[in-house]
C-alpha cells in the first residue's frame, strides 16, 4: 500500500511540475511571438513598398 501511495504522490508531483513548466515556457514564448509578428509585418511592408516602386 505504501508503494502505491508513493507512486501516486510522484505522479501528482510530476503533473504539478509539468504544469509549472508549461506556464513558464508560455510566458517566454509570448514576447517572442510578438517580436516575430512585428518583424514579419515590417518585412511585408518593405516588400510591398519595393513592389510599388517597381510598378
N, C-alpha and C. Protein backbone atom coordinates (compact mmCIF):
# COMPACT_ATOMS: atom_id res chain seq x y z
N UNK A 1 0.84 -1.21 0.00
CA UNK A 1 0.00 0.00 0.00
C UNK A 1 0.87 1.25 0.00
N UNK A 2 2.00 1.17 0.70
CA UNK A 2 2.87 2.34 0.78
C UNK A 2 3.46 2.69 -0.59
N UNK A 3 3.85 1.66 -1.35
CA UNK A 3 4.43 1.94 -2.67
C UNK A 3 3.40 2.56 -3.60
N UNK A 4 2.14 2.12 -3.50
CA UNK A 4 1.08 2.73 -4.32
C UNK A 4 0.93 4.20 -3.97
N UNK A 5 0.97 4.49 -2.68
CA UNK A 5 0.85 5.87 -2.22
C UNK A 5 1.99 6.72 -2.75
N UNK A 6 3.21 6.17 -2.69
CA UNK A 6 4.38 6.90 -3.18
C UNK A 6 4.28 7.18 -4.66
N UNK A 7 3.83 6.18 -5.44
CA UNK A 7 3.74 6.38 -6.88
C UNK A 7 2.67 7.42 -7.19
N UNK A 8 1.60 7.44 -6.41
CA UNK A 8 0.55 8.45 -6.62
C UNK A 8 1.10 9.84 -6.32
N UNK A 9 1.86 9.94 -5.23
CA UNK A 9 2.49 11.23 -4.89
C UNK A 9 3.42 11.68 -6.00
N UNK A 10 4.23 10.71 -6.50
CA UNK A 10 5.19 11.03 -7.54
C UNK A 10 4.47 11.52 -8.79
N UNK A 11 3.37 10.85 -9.14
CA UNK A 11 2.61 11.25 -10.33
C UNK A 11 2.05 12.65 -10.18
N UNK A 12 1.50 12.95 -9.00
CA UNK A 12 0.91 14.28 -8.82
C UNK A 12 2.00 15.35 -8.83
N UNK A 13 3.17 15.03 -8.26
CA UNK A 13 4.27 15.98 -8.28
C UNK A 13 4.73 16.23 -9.72
N UNK A 14 4.80 15.13 -10.50
CA UNK A 14 5.20 15.23 -11.90
C UNK A 14 4.22 16.14 -12.65
N UNK A 15 2.93 15.94 -12.41
CA UNK A 15 1.91 16.73 -13.09
C UNK A 15 2.03 18.20 -12.71
N UNK A 16 2.29 18.45 -11.42
CA UNK A 16 2.43 19.83 -10.95
C UNK A 16 3.63 20.51 -11.61
N UNK A 17 4.75 19.79 -11.69
CA UNK A 17 5.94 20.34 -12.33
C UNK A 17 5.69 20.61 -13.80
N UNK A 18 4.97 19.68 -14.44
CA UNK A 18 4.68 19.84 -15.87
C UNK A 18 3.86 21.11 -16.09
N UNK A 19 2.85 21.31 -15.25
CA UNK A 19 2.00 22.50 -15.38
C UNK A 19 2.82 23.77 -15.16
N UNK A 20 3.69 23.73 -14.16
CA UNK A 20 4.53 24.89 -13.86
C UNK A 20 5.44 25.21 -15.04
N UNK A 21 6.06 24.16 -15.60
CA UNK A 21 6.97 24.37 -16.73
C UNK A 21 6.24 24.91 -17.94
N UNK A 22 5.03 24.41 -18.19
CA UNK A 22 4.31 24.86 -19.38
C UNK A 22 3.93 26.33 -19.25
N UNK A 23 3.54 26.78 -18.04
CA UNK A 23 3.19 28.20 -17.90
C UNK A 23 4.44 29.07 -18.03
N UNK A 24 5.58 28.58 -17.53
CA UNK A 24 6.81 29.35 -17.66
C UNK A 24 7.20 29.49 -19.13
N UNK A 25 7.11 28.39 -19.88
CA UNK A 25 7.50 28.45 -21.29
C UNK A 25 6.53 29.33 -22.06
N UNK A 26 5.24 29.32 -21.67
CA UNK A 26 4.27 30.19 -22.34
C UNK A 26 4.66 31.65 -22.17
N UNK A 27 5.06 32.02 -20.95
CA UNK A 27 5.39 33.42 -20.70
C UNK A 27 6.65 33.82 -21.45
N UNK A 28 7.49 32.84 -21.80
CA UNK A 28 8.69 33.16 -22.57
C UNK A 28 8.38 33.26 -24.06
N UNK A 29 7.50 32.38 -24.55
CA UNK A 29 7.25 32.36 -26.00
C UNK A 29 6.35 33.50 -26.44
N UNK A 30 5.50 34.00 -25.55
CA UNK A 30 4.57 35.07 -25.96
C UNK A 30 5.30 36.32 -26.45
N UNK A 31 6.27 36.85 -25.70
CA UNK A 31 7.02 38.01 -26.22
C UNK A 31 7.74 37.67 -27.52
N UNK A 32 8.24 36.43 -27.63
CA UNK A 32 8.90 36.03 -28.87
C UNK A 32 7.95 36.07 -30.04
N UNK A 33 6.70 35.62 -29.81
CA UNK A 33 5.71 35.64 -30.88
C UNK A 33 5.40 37.06 -31.30
N UNK A 34 5.26 37.96 -30.32
CA UNK A 34 5.00 39.36 -30.65
C UNK A 34 6.15 39.92 -31.48
N UNK A 35 7.37 39.59 -31.09
CA UNK A 35 8.55 40.07 -31.80
C UNK A 35 8.56 39.55 -33.24
N UNK A 36 8.29 38.25 -33.41
CA UNK A 36 8.24 37.66 -34.75
C UNK A 36 7.17 38.34 -35.59
N UNK A 37 6.02 38.59 -34.98
CA UNK A 37 4.92 39.22 -35.72
C UNK A 37 5.33 40.61 -36.21
N UNK A 38 5.98 41.37 -35.33
CA UNK A 38 6.45 42.71 -35.72
C UNK A 38 7.45 42.62 -36.86
N UNK A 39 8.38 41.68 -36.76
CA UNK A 39 9.39 41.51 -37.81
C UNK A 39 8.73 41.16 -39.14
N UNK A 40 7.75 40.25 -39.09
CA UNK A 40 7.08 39.84 -40.32
C UNK A 40 6.32 41.01 -40.93
N UNK A 41 5.67 41.80 -40.09
CA UNK A 41 4.93 42.96 -40.58
C UNK A 41 5.87 43.96 -41.23
N UNK A 42 7.01 44.20 -40.61
CA UNK A 42 8.00 45.13 -41.17
C UNK A 42 8.51 44.61 -42.50
N UNK A 43 8.79 43.31 -42.55
CA UNK A 43 9.30 42.71 -43.78
C UNK A 43 8.25 42.81 -44.89
N UNK A 44 6.99 42.56 -44.54
CA UNK A 44 5.92 42.62 -45.52
C UNK A 44 5.78 44.03 -46.09
N UNK A 45 5.88 45.03 -45.21
CA UNK A 45 5.73 46.40 -45.69
C UNK A 45 6.91 46.80 -46.58
N UNK A 46 8.11 46.30 -46.24
CA UNK A 46 9.27 46.59 -47.10
C UNK A 46 9.08 45.98 -48.48
N UNK A 47 8.62 44.73 -48.51
CA UNK A 47 8.41 44.04 -49.79
C UNK A 47 7.34 44.77 -50.60
N UNK A 48 6.26 45.17 -49.95
CA UNK A 48 5.18 45.87 -50.65
C UNK A 48 5.67 47.19 -51.22
N UNK A 49 6.43 47.93 -50.44
CA UNK A 49 6.90 49.23 -50.94
C UNK A 49 7.87 49.03 -52.10
N UNK A 50 8.67 47.96 -52.04
CA UNK A 50 9.59 47.67 -53.14
C UNK A 50 8.81 47.34 -54.41
N UNK A 51 7.75 46.55 -54.26
CA UNK A 51 6.92 46.20 -55.41
C UNK A 51 6.26 47.43 -56.01
N UNK A 52 5.78 48.31 -55.13
CA UNK A 52 5.12 49.53 -55.61
C UNK A 52 6.10 50.42 -56.36
N UNK A 53 7.34 50.45 -55.89
CA UNK A 53 8.36 51.26 -56.57
C UNK A 53 8.66 50.71 -57.96
N UNK A 54 8.54 49.39 -58.11
CA UNK A 54 8.86 48.78 -59.41
C UNK A 54 7.73 48.94 -60.41
N UNK A 55 6.55 49.29 -59.97
CA UNK A 55 5.41 49.42 -60.90
C UNK A 55 5.59 50.59 -61.84
